[in-house]
Protein backbone atom coordinates (compact mmCIF):
# COMPACT_ATOMS: atom_id res chain seq x y z
CA MET A 1 -38.67 -19.76 24.11
CA ILE A 2 -36.31 -17.62 22.02
CA LYS A 3 -33.90 -15.54 24.09
CA LEU A 4 -32.33 -12.40 22.64
CA SER A 5 -28.73 -11.42 23.21
CA GLY A 6 -26.25 -9.26 21.36
CA PHE A 7 -22.80 -7.80 20.88
CA ALA A 8 -23.31 -4.69 23.00
CA ASP A 9 -19.91 -3.25 22.07
CA GLU A 10 -21.54 -2.15 18.81
CA ILE A 11 -23.44 0.39 20.92
CA SER A 12 -20.48 1.78 22.84
CA SER A 13 -17.09 0.72 24.15
CA GLU A 14 -18.34 1.59 27.65
CA VAL A 15 -20.14 -1.22 29.45
CA LYS A 16 -22.32 1.22 31.39
CA VAL A 17 -23.74 2.61 28.13
CA GLN A 18 -24.10 -0.88 26.65
CA PHE A 19 -26.19 -2.03 29.61
CA GLU A 20 -28.29 1.14 29.77
CA VAL A 21 -29.35 0.59 26.15
CA PHE A 22 -29.98 -3.11 26.72
CA ASN A 23 -32.20 -2.26 29.71
CA LYS A 24 -34.08 0.24 27.53
CA LEU A 25 -34.63 -2.40 24.84
CA GLY A 26 -35.51 -5.13 27.32
CA ILE A 27 -32.58 -7.41 26.40
CA SER A 28 -31.39 -9.43 29.39
CA TYR A 29 -28.32 -11.16 27.92
CA PHE A 30 -25.20 -9.98 26.12
CA GLU A 31 -22.30 -11.56 24.27
CA PRO A 32 -19.23 -9.81 25.69
CA ARG A 33 -16.50 -8.95 23.19
CA GLY A 34 -15.38 -5.33 23.71
CA ILE A 35 -15.40 -4.32 27.37
CA ASN A 36 -14.46 -0.72 28.16
CA GLY A 37 -12.12 -0.64 25.18
CA LYS A 38 -10.49 -4.04 25.81
CA ASN A 39 -11.18 -7.39 24.21
CA ILE A 40 -12.91 -9.77 26.62
CA SER A 41 -9.91 -12.13 26.40
CA LEU A 42 -7.63 -9.45 27.89
CA LEU A 43 -9.56 -8.71 31.08
CA ASN A 44 -7.70 -9.30 34.33
CA ASP A 45 -9.27 -10.61 37.55
CA GLU A 46 -10.13 -7.14 38.85
CA GLU A 47 -11.77 -6.14 35.56
CA ILE A 48 -13.79 -9.37 35.54
CA GLU A 49 -15.07 -8.59 39.03
CA ASP A 50 -15.97 -5.05 37.95
CA LEU A 51 -17.88 -6.46 34.98
CA LYS A 52 -19.76 -8.89 37.24
CA CYS A 53 -20.78 -5.99 39.47
CA MET A 54 -22.07 -4.04 36.48
CA MET A 55 -23.97 -7.10 35.24
CA ALA A 56 -25.62 -7.48 38.64
CA LYS A 57 -26.49 -3.76 38.79
CA TYR A 58 -28.20 -3.82 35.39
CA ASN A 59 -29.54 -7.40 35.65
CA ILE A 60 -27.65 -8.57 32.56
CA LYS A 61 -26.39 -12.12 32.04
CA VAL A 62 -23.94 -13.59 29.53
CA SER A 63 -25.23 -15.78 26.72
CA SER A 64 -21.80 -16.66 25.27
CA ILE A 65 -18.29 -15.25 25.32
CA GLY A 66 -17.61 -13.46 22.02
CA SER A 67 -14.02 -14.64 22.06
CA PRO A 68 -11.27 -14.43 19.42
CA VAL A 69 -10.24 -18.07 19.96
CA GLY A 70 -9.14 -19.57 16.65
CA LYS A 71 -8.95 -16.19 14.94
CA MET A 72 -5.30 -16.47 13.99
CA LYS A 73 -3.23 -17.73 11.08
CA ILE A 74 -2.66 -21.46 11.00
CA SER A 75 1.03 -20.75 10.32
CA ASP A 76 1.44 -18.79 13.58
CA ASP A 77 2.58 -20.33 16.87
CA PHE A 78 -0.33 -21.83 18.80
CA SER A 79 1.15 -22.03 22.32
CA GLU A 80 0.54 -18.40 23.34
CA HIS A 81 -2.90 -18.47 21.74
CA PHE A 82 -3.78 -21.58 23.74
CA GLU A 83 -2.86 -19.78 26.97
CA MET A 84 -5.23 -16.98 25.98
CA TYR A 85 -7.90 -19.61 25.35
CA LYS A 86 -7.46 -21.03 28.85
CA HIS A 87 -7.95 -17.52 30.25
CA VAL A 88 -11.14 -17.15 28.19
CA VAL A 89 -12.44 -20.41 29.66
CA LYS A 90 -11.79 -19.02 33.13
CA ILE A 91 -13.67 -15.83 32.22
CA ALA A 92 -16.62 -17.82 30.87
CA LYS A 93 -16.93 -19.68 34.16
CA GLU A 94 -16.61 -16.47 36.17
CA LEU A 95 -19.36 -14.84 34.11
CA GLY A 96 -21.71 -17.80 34.35
CA THR A 97 -21.85 -19.13 30.79
CA LYS A 98 -20.87 -22.46 29.30
CA TYR A 99 -20.63 -21.11 25.74
CA ILE A 100 -17.53 -19.71 24.02
CA ARG A 101 -17.71 -18.51 20.42
CA MET A 102 -14.62 -19.43 18.38
CA PHE A 103 -13.19 -19.87 14.86
CA SER A 104 -11.17 -22.36 12.79
CA PHE A 105 -8.14 -20.29 11.76
CA TYR A 106 -6.98 -18.37 8.68
CA ASN A 107 -4.33 -19.33 6.16
CA ASP A 108 -2.21 -16.94 4.08
CA GLY A 109 -4.82 -16.88 1.31
CA GLY A 110 -5.60 -19.18 -1.59
CA GLU A 111 -6.44 -22.87 -1.47
CA TRP A 112 -6.01 -24.72 1.79
CA THR A 113 -3.31 -27.39 1.64
CA GLN A 114 -3.73 -30.84 3.14
CA ASP A 115 -1.13 -29.97 5.78
CA GLU A 116 -3.01 -26.81 6.74
CA VAL A 117 -6.32 -28.66 7.06
CA ALA A 118 -4.63 -31.33 9.16
CA GLU A 119 -3.22 -28.63 11.45
CA VAL A 120 -6.68 -27.03 11.79
CA LYS A 121 -8.02 -30.32 13.10
CA VAL A 122 -5.05 -30.90 15.42
CA ARG A 123 -5.61 -27.49 16.99
CA LEU A 124 -9.37 -27.88 17.22
CA LYS A 125 -8.97 -31.26 18.92
CA LYS A 126 -6.66 -29.69 21.50
CA LEU A 127 -9.18 -26.91 22.14
CA ILE A 128 -12.02 -29.44 22.40
CA ASP A 129 -10.09 -31.68 24.80
CA TYR A 130 -9.60 -28.74 27.16
CA ALA A 131 -13.27 -27.77 26.80
CA LYS A 132 -14.19 -31.30 27.89
CA GLU A 133 -11.91 -31.02 30.92
CA GLN A 134 -13.43 -27.68 31.90
CA ASP A 135 -17.05 -28.53 30.99
CA VAL A 136 -17.56 -25.65 28.55
CA VAL A 137 -19.00 -25.65 25.02
CA LEU A 138 -17.07 -24.27 22.06
CA LEU A 139 -19.32 -22.75 19.40
CA HIS A 140 -17.67 -22.64 15.99
CA GLU A 141 -18.74 -19.62 13.95
CA ASN A 142 -18.76 -19.81 10.16
CA GLU A 143 -16.87 -16.73 9.01
CA LYS A 144 -15.51 -15.61 5.65
CA ASP A 145 -11.83 -16.49 5.13
CA ILE A 146 -11.42 -18.94 8.02
CA TYR A 147 -11.23 -22.66 7.21
CA GLY A 148 -14.83 -23.27 8.29
CA GLU A 149 -16.40 -20.60 6.09
CA SER A 150 -18.56 -22.81 3.86
CA VAL A 151 -21.31 -25.31 4.55
CA LYS A 152 -19.16 -28.12 3.18
CA ARG A 153 -16.24 -27.33 5.46
CA VAL A 154 -18.35 -26.69 8.55
CA LEU A 155 -20.13 -30.00 7.94
CA SER A 156 -16.83 -31.85 7.61
CA LEU A 157 -15.58 -30.39 10.89
CA MET A 158 -18.82 -31.22 12.67
CA GLN A 159 -19.06 -34.75 11.31
CA GLU A 160 -15.55 -35.46 12.56
CA LEU A 161 -15.37 -33.43 15.78
CA SER A 162 -18.88 -32.56 16.98
CA CYS A 163 -19.61 -33.55 20.57
CA ASP A 164 -21.25 -32.10 23.68
CA ASN A 165 -18.36 -29.63 23.90
CA PHE A 166 -18.06 -28.62 20.23
CA LYS A 167 -21.07 -27.30 18.34
CA ALA A 168 -21.86 -24.63 15.74
CA VAL A 169 -22.96 -21.01 15.66
CA PHE A 170 -25.05 -20.24 12.58
CA ASP A 171 -24.41 -16.77 11.12
CA PRO A 172 -26.59 -16.10 8.04
CA ALA A 173 -24.70 -13.02 6.80
CA ASN A 174 -21.38 -14.84 6.89
CA PHE A 175 -22.81 -17.60 4.72
CA VAL A 176 -24.28 -15.04 2.31
CA GLN A 177 -20.84 -13.46 1.98
CA VAL A 178 -19.46 -16.77 0.65
CA GLN A 179 -22.43 -17.23 -1.71
CA GLU A 180 -24.25 -19.91 0.30
CA ASN A 181 -28.05 -20.26 0.47
CA THR A 182 -28.81 -19.94 4.17
CA VAL A 183 -32.01 -21.98 4.14
CA GLU A 184 -30.21 -24.94 2.58
CA ALA A 185 -27.23 -24.35 4.87
CA LEU A 186 -29.40 -24.59 7.97
CA LYS A 187 -31.10 -27.76 6.73
CA THR A 188 -27.67 -29.35 6.34
CA LEU A 189 -26.14 -28.10 9.58
CA ARG A 190 -29.15 -28.00 11.93
CA PRO A 191 -28.18 -31.12 13.92
CA TYR A 192 -24.98 -29.36 14.97
CA VAL A 193 -26.23 -25.78 15.45
CA GLU A 194 -26.55 -24.71 19.07
CA TYR A 195 -26.69 -20.91 18.77
CA PHE A 196 -27.53 -18.22 16.22
CA HIS A 197 -26.00 -14.87 15.34
CA ILE A 198 -28.38 -12.47 13.64
CA LYS A 199 -27.06 -10.27 10.90
CA ASP A 200 -28.07 -10.10 7.26
CA ALA A 201 -26.19 -9.35 4.03
CA ARG A 202 -26.75 -8.85 0.32
CA MET A 203 -25.51 -11.62 -1.95
CA GLU A 204 -24.51 -9.21 -4.73
CA ASP A 205 -21.91 -7.28 -2.76
CA GLY A 206 -21.70 -8.84 0.71
CA PHE A 207 -22.91 -5.58 2.27
CA ILE A 208 -24.37 -5.95 5.79
CA VAL A 209 -27.99 -4.78 6.19
CA PRO A 210 -30.68 -5.01 8.91
CA ALA A 211 -32.34 -8.40 9.42
CA GLY A 212 -34.81 -9.10 6.63
CA ALA A 213 -33.31 -6.60 4.19
CA GLY A 214 -30.75 -8.97 2.67
CA ASP A 215 -30.43 -12.49 1.31
CA GLY A 216 -29.97 -14.27 4.64
CA HIS A 217 -33.60 -15.49 4.75
CA ILE A 218 -33.82 -14.41 8.40
CA GLU A 219 -37.62 -14.65 8.46
CA GLU A 220 -37.62 -18.21 7.10
CA ILE A 221 -34.97 -19.21 9.61
CA VAL A 222 -36.86 -17.69 12.54
CA ARG A 223 -40.06 -19.36 11.29
CA GLU A 224 -38.38 -22.76 11.36
CA LEU A 225 -36.96 -22.14 14.84
CA VAL A 226 -40.33 -21.07 16.24
CA LYS A 227 -41.98 -24.08 14.60
CA GLU A 228 -39.52 -26.48 16.21
CA GLY A 229 -39.82 -24.77 19.61
CA TYR A 230 -36.23 -23.58 19.67
CA ASP A 231 -35.19 -22.81 23.24
CA GLY A 232 -31.98 -20.86 22.75
CA PHE A 233 -30.30 -17.63 21.80
CA LEU A 234 -30.55 -15.28 18.86
CA SER A 235 -27.61 -12.93 19.32
CA LEU A 236 -27.69 -9.61 17.46
CA GLU A 237 -24.42 -8.75 15.74
CA PRO A 238 -25.66 -5.85 13.58
CA HIS A 239 -22.41 -4.67 11.92
CA LEU A 240 -24.35 -1.68 10.60
CA GLY A 241 -21.55 0.75 11.46
CA THR A 242 -18.01 1.03 12.74
CA PHE A 243 -17.21 0.57 16.41
CA GLU A 244 -14.13 0.49 18.61
CA GLY A 245 -12.12 -2.68 18.02
CA LEU A 246 -13.62 -3.39 14.59
CA ALA A 247 -10.30 -3.06 12.79
CA ASP A 248 -8.88 -5.83 14.99
CA LEU A 249 -11.79 -8.15 14.17
CA GLU A 250 -12.15 -7.87 10.39
CA LEU A 251 -9.64 -8.73 7.68
CA ASP A 252 -11.93 -7.05 5.16
CA ASP A 253 -11.90 -3.27 5.58
CA LYS A 254 -15.25 -2.77 3.80
CA MET A 255 -17.04 -1.90 7.05
CA LEU A 256 -14.49 0.70 8.11
CA SER A 257 -16.00 3.21 5.65
CA LEU A 258 -19.41 3.06 7.34
CA PRO A 259 -20.71 5.74 9.74
CA LYS A 260 -20.10 5.13 13.42
CA ALA A 261 -22.34 2.55 15.06
CA GLY A 262 -24.17 3.28 18.28
CA GLU A 263 -27.51 3.10 20.06
CA GLY A 264 -29.35 4.06 16.87
CA THR A 265 -27.91 1.34 14.63
CA PHE A 266 -28.27 -1.31 17.33
CA THR A 267 -31.86 -0.26 18.05
CA LEU A 268 -32.64 -0.44 14.33
CA ALA A 269 -31.24 -3.99 14.23
CA TYR A 270 -33.25 -4.94 17.33
CA ASN A 271 -36.48 -3.45 15.98
CA GLU A 272 -36.19 -5.24 12.63
CA LEU A 273 -35.53 -8.60 14.27
CA SER A 274 -38.37 -8.00 16.74
CA LYS A 275 -40.78 -7.34 13.86
CA ILE A 276 -39.79 -10.65 12.26
CA ILE A 277 -40.18 -12.59 15.50
CA LYS A 278 -43.57 -11.00 16.22
CA LYS A 279 -44.82 -11.70 12.70
CA VAL A 280 -43.74 -15.34 12.85
CA GLN A 281 -45.16 -15.88 16.33
CA GLU A 282 -48.51 -14.40 15.24
CA GLU A 283 -48.57 -16.84 12.29
CA GLN A 284 -48.11 -19.75 14.67
CA LYS A 285 -51.12 -18.87 16.84
């Protein structure tokens, strides 16, 4: 019932290498973000066709677009960003997925003002309206430093805006990094969660570790999903090393001091998650 996917750009910037490793591991889906050194949102029509050919050759499908939609300051102009978003929607349709991962904006730091929160919701509503028109599903990821980083804020967004075209991605490590208990977080947000990212972190320092080695309660979460018969994706986002494009994704430079990521770090992440899934499935027999 559980389908595995992952951010293959943490293996290599080259799609050919990404897919070779995924074939070796037996993973049939990926969450495209970095494609041959370019962000997925920047691919032109020819590059999209090339990617589709590679997907067909290696029998890989897309689980969700790992897009940067909503990963901008709330004070910056939204019009150009919205055009990028429309291109991402086109790419999602071309690649055969209804899901697009997205975020709920940064501010300049400090407490969010009422005006900033209001603008977050105005922008999200515009994104959701277009998603409804195009029949795609926006998946809001909880991430440190965006508006929707905490359980309370994600819940408020979901209670107001959740619909068939706006749901949540649950990322345990990101909740750990803002000092949230992930088991309690999932209980609160489960009605809205459509998709899971799998990475783990330590509460004491926010450091990313393989699944099961941190405070993300990955095993308990997987146990609950297996128990309920979850029929969806667990997408590996290991963050166990640096990779091309990382500096453009993270405000926090903590990860930039890590060794280079690659097949080894991704395989480690896959093996640790696989052990957890196998253990939990054996318990259920």
